[in-house]
C-alpha atoms as a PDB file:
ATOM      1  CA  MET A   1      23.491  34.331 -12.453  1.00  0.00           C
ATOM      2  CA  VAL A   2      23.200  38.071 -13.060  1.00  0.00           C
ATOM      3  CA  LEU A   3      22.742  39.966  -9.816  1.00  0.00           C
ATOM      4  CA  SER A   4      22.659  43.556 -10.995  1.00  0.00           C
ATOM      5  CA  GLY A   5      22.515  45.653 -14.131  1.00  0.00           C
ATOM      6  CA  GLU A   6      20.208  45.864 -17.106  1.00  0.00           C
ATOM      7  CA  ASP A   7      19.701  42.096 -17.442  1.00  0.00           C
ATOM      8  CA  SER A   8      18.901  41.508 -13.776  1.00  0.00           C
ATOM      9  CA  PRO A   9      15.455  40.162 -12.817  1.00  0.00           C
ATOM     10  CA  SER A  10      15.250  43.003 -10.292  1.00  0.00           C
ATOM     11  CA  GLN A  11      15.227  45.552 -13.153  1.00  0.00           C
ATOM     12  CA  GLY A  12      11.627  44.808 -14.195  1.00  0.00           C
ATOM     13  CA  SER A  13      11.994  43.264 -17.667  1.00  0.00           C
ATOM     14  CA  TRP A  14      11.591  39.794 -16.194  1.00  0.00           C
ATOM     15  CA  LYS A  15       8.364  38.122 -15.060  1.00  0.00           C
ATOM     16  CA  LYS A  16       8.466  36.226 -11.765  1.00  0.00           C
ATOM     17  CA  LEU A  17       6.964  32.720 -11.940  1.00  0.00           C
ATOM     18  CA  ASP A  18       5.349  32.646  -8.516  1.00  0.00           C
ATOM     19  CA  PHE A  19       3.143  29.606  -9.148  1.00  0.00           C
ATOM     20  CA  ILE A  20       6.017  27.144  -8.546  1.00  0.00           C
ATOM     21  CA  PRO A  21       5.773  25.601  -5.056  1.00  0.00           C
ATOM     22  CA  GLU A  22       9.083  25.864  -3.215  1.00  0.00           C
ATOM     23  CA  LYS A  23       9.228  22.109  -2.611  1.00  0.00           C
ATOM     24  CA  TYR A  24       9.239  21.477  -6.407  1.00  0.00           C
ATOM     25  CA  MET A  25      11.756  24.199  -7.252  1.00  0.00           C
ATOM     26  CA  GLY A  26      14.606  21.663  -7.396  1.00  0.00           C
ATOM     27  CA  GLN A  27      12.808  19.526  -9.978  1.00  0.00           C
ATOM     28  CA  VAL A  28      11.918  22.590 -12.063  1.00  0.00           C
ATOM     29  CA  ILE A  29      15.497  23.907 -12.046  1.00  0.00           C
ATOM     30  CA  GLY A  30      17.160  20.510 -12.315  1.00  0.00           C
ATOM     31  CA  LYS A  31      20.658  19.439 -11.399  1.00  0.00           C
ATOM     32  CA  TYR A  32      23.141  21.920 -12.869  1.00  0.00           C
ATOM     33  CA  ARG A  33      20.113  23.801 -14.316  1.00  0.00           C
ATOM     34  CA  ARG A  34      19.461  20.982 -16.797  1.00  0.00           C
ATOM     35  CA  SER A  35      15.659  21.241 -16.632  1.00  0.00           C
ATOM     36  CA  LEU A  36      15.691  24.994 -17.198  1.00  0.00           C
ATOM     37  CA  ASP A  37      18.211  24.666 -20.034  1.00  0.00           C
ATOM     38  CA  LYS A  38      16.022  22.038 -21.699  1.00  0.00           C
ATOM     39  CA  ILE A  39      12.934  24.254 -21.358  1.00  0.00           C
ATOM     40  CA  GLU A  40      14.865  27.205 -22.816  1.00  0.00           C
ATOM     41  CA  ASN A  41      16.003  25.114 -25.791  1.00  0.00           C
ATOM     42  CA  ILE A  42      12.497  23.780 -26.473  1.00  0.00           C
ATOM     43  CA  THR A  43      10.589  27.038 -26.034  1.00  0.00           C
ATOM     44  CA  GLY A  44      12.961  29.889 -26.865  1.00  0.00           C
ATOM     45  CA  ALA A  45      12.217  31.655 -23.578  1.00  0.00           C
ATOM     46  CA  THR A  46      15.001  32.742 -21.220  1.00  0.00           C
ATOM     47  CA  LEU A  47      14.815  31.577 -17.600  1.00  0.00           C
ATOM     48  CA  LYS A  48      16.840  32.764 -14.609  1.00  0.00           C
ATOM     49  CA  VAL A  49      17.025  31.795 -10.979  1.00  0.00           C
ATOM     50  CA  PHE A  50      17.309  34.860  -8.752  1.00  0.00           C
ATOM     51  CA  GLU A  51      16.833  34.992  -4.983  1.00  0.00           C
ATOM     52  CA  ARG A  52      15.152  31.553  -4.795  1.00  0.00           C
ATOM     53  CA  ASN A  53      12.673  32.365  -7.575  1.00  0.00           C
ATOM     54  CA  VAL A  54      12.451  31.587 -11.286  1.00  0.00           C
ATOM     55  CA  TYR A  55      12.034  34.483 -13.712  1.00  0.00           C
ATOM     56  CA  ILE A  56      11.133  34.381 -17.401  1.00  0.00           C
ATOM     57  CA  LYS A  57      11.760  36.646 -20.375  1.00  0.00           C
ATOM     58  CA  GLY A  58      10.925  36.273 -24.063  1.00  0.00           C
ATOM     59  CA  SER A  59       8.105  36.542 -26.557  1.00  0.00           C
ATOM     60  CA  ILE A  60       4.573  35.932 -25.307  1.00  0.00           C
ATOM     61  CA  GLU A  61       4.415  32.607 -27.166  1.00  0.00           C
ATOM     62  CA  SER A  62       7.776  31.386 -25.862  1.00  0.00           C
ATOM     63  CA  GLN A  63       6.766  32.360 -22.320  1.00  0.00           C
ATOM     64  CA  LYS A  64       3.480  30.457 -22.657  1.00  0.00           C
ATOM     65  CA  ARG A  65       5.311  27.356 -23.895  1.00  0.00           C
ATOM     66  CA  ALA A  66       7.880  27.567 -21.086  1.00  0.00           C
ATOM     67  CA  ILE A  67       5.201  28.047 -18.427  1.00  0.00           C
ATOM     68  CA  ARG A  68       3.335  25.033 -19.820  1.00  0.00           C
ATOM     69  CA  GLU A  69       6.521  22.939 -19.595  1.00  0.00           C
ATOM     70  CA  ILE A  70       7.142  24.066 -16.011  1.00  0.00           C
ATOM     71  CA  LYS A  71       3.539  23.332 -15.019  1.00  0.00           C
ATOM     72  CA  ASP A  72       3.923  19.854 -16.537  1.00  0.00           C
ATOM     73  CA  ILE A  73       6.943  19.234 -14.291  1.00  0.00           C
ATOM     74  CA  VAL A  74       5.096  20.468 -11.194  1.00  0.00           C
ATOM     75  CA  ASN A  75       1.982  18.426 -12.033  1.00  0.00           C
ATOM     76  CA  LEU A  76       4.072  15.305 -12.592  1.00  0.00           C
ATOM     77  CA  GLU A  77       5.790  15.775  -9.236  1.00  0.00           C
ATOM     78  CA  THR A  78       2.506  16.321  -7.366  1.00  0.00           C
ATOM     79  CA  LYS A  79       1.097  13.064  -8.742  1.00  0.00           C
ATOM     80  CA  ARG A  80       4.035  10.908  -7.652  1.00  0.00           C
ATOM     81  CA  PRO A  81       3.320   8.713  -4.652  1.00  0.00           C
ATOM     82  CA  ASN A  82       4.780  10.089  -1.463  1.00  0.00           C
ATOM     83  CA  HIS A  83       6.040   6.781  -0.121  1.00  0.00           C
ATOM     84  CA  SER A  84       9.175   4.760  -0.440  1.00  0.00           C
ATOM     85  CA  VAL A  85       9.465   1.176  -1.552  1.00  0.00           C
ATOM     86  CA  ARG A  86      10.748  -1.291   1.002  1.00  0.00           C
ATOM     87  CA  PHE A  87      11.759  -4.829   0.355  1.00  0.00           C
ATOM     88  CA  VAL A  88      11.164  -7.494   2.958  1.00  0.00           C
ATOM     89  CA  HIS A  89      12.903 -10.840   3.010  1.00  0.00           C
ATOM     90  CA  VAL A  90      11.110 -13.656   4.780  1.00  0.00           C
ATOM     91  CA  ASP A  91      12.918 -16.942   5.264  1.00  0.00           C
ATOM     92  CA  THR A  92      10.131 -19.427   4.584  1.00  0.00           C
ATOM     93  CA  THR A  93      12.162 -22.590   4.987  1.00  0.00           C
ATOM     94  CA  GLN A  94      10.595 -23.287   8.398  1.00  0.00           C
ATOM     95  CA  LEU A  95       6.999 -22.426   7.378  1.00  0.00           C
ATOM     96  CA  GLU A  96       4.266 -24.643   6.050  1.00  0.00           C
ATOM     97  CA  LEU A  97       3.664 -24.308   2.298  1.00  0.00           C
ATOM     98  CA  ASP A  98       0.256 -22.685   2.786  1.00  0.00           C
ATOM     99  CA  HIS A  99       1.328 -20.382   5.642  1.00  0.00           C
ATOM    100  CA  GLU A 100      -0.098 -16.851   5.387  1.00  0.00           C
ATOM    101  CA  PHE A 101       1.504 -13.743   6.804  1.00  0.00           C
ATOM    102  CA  GLU A 102       0.738 -10.011   6.790  1.00  0.00           C
ATOM    103  CA  LEU A 103       2.888  -6.958   6.207  1.00  0.00           C
ATOM    104  CA  TRP A 104       2.319  -3.530   7.783  1.00  0.00           C
ATOM    105  CA  HIS A 105       0.079  -2.343   5.005  1.00  0.00           C
ATOM    106  CA  ARG A 106      -2.307  -5.234   5.583  1.00  0.00           C
ATOM    107  CA  THR A 107      -1.784  -7.040   2.293  1.00  0.00           C
ATOM    108  CA  THR A 108      -1.953 -10.806   2.762  1.00  0.00           C
ATOM    109  CA  TYR A 109       0.541 -12.975   0.933  1.00  0.00           C
ATOM    110  CA  LYS A 110       0.670 -16.715   0.582  1.00  0.00           C
ATOM    111  CA  CYS A 111       3.937 -18.544   0.727  1.00  0.00           C
ATOM    112  CA  LEU A 112       4.603 -20.654  -2.302  1.00  0.00           C
END
């Protein structure tokens, strides 16, 4: 990360991408910057993380492509269900074959 000098995002040649919600910043950057590197390779734009923000530099077309890729990541993350999957084991050896039971989410299952 460049913190000062001509190539620093604080010098004005970079555009701050302020549309990225902070809670999705990790997915946009990716582990070891993998998501940003992939976006750079696909689009030709240059992306930097500086002071908890993502900045972009490049031709207008490469910036548009990179922004589209980033928005795709954010949109994908916002559409994911916000719940975890839990598995429940029920020992049915002592139940009747047609016994019904309910789970917390009110879905009724029949024992086979």
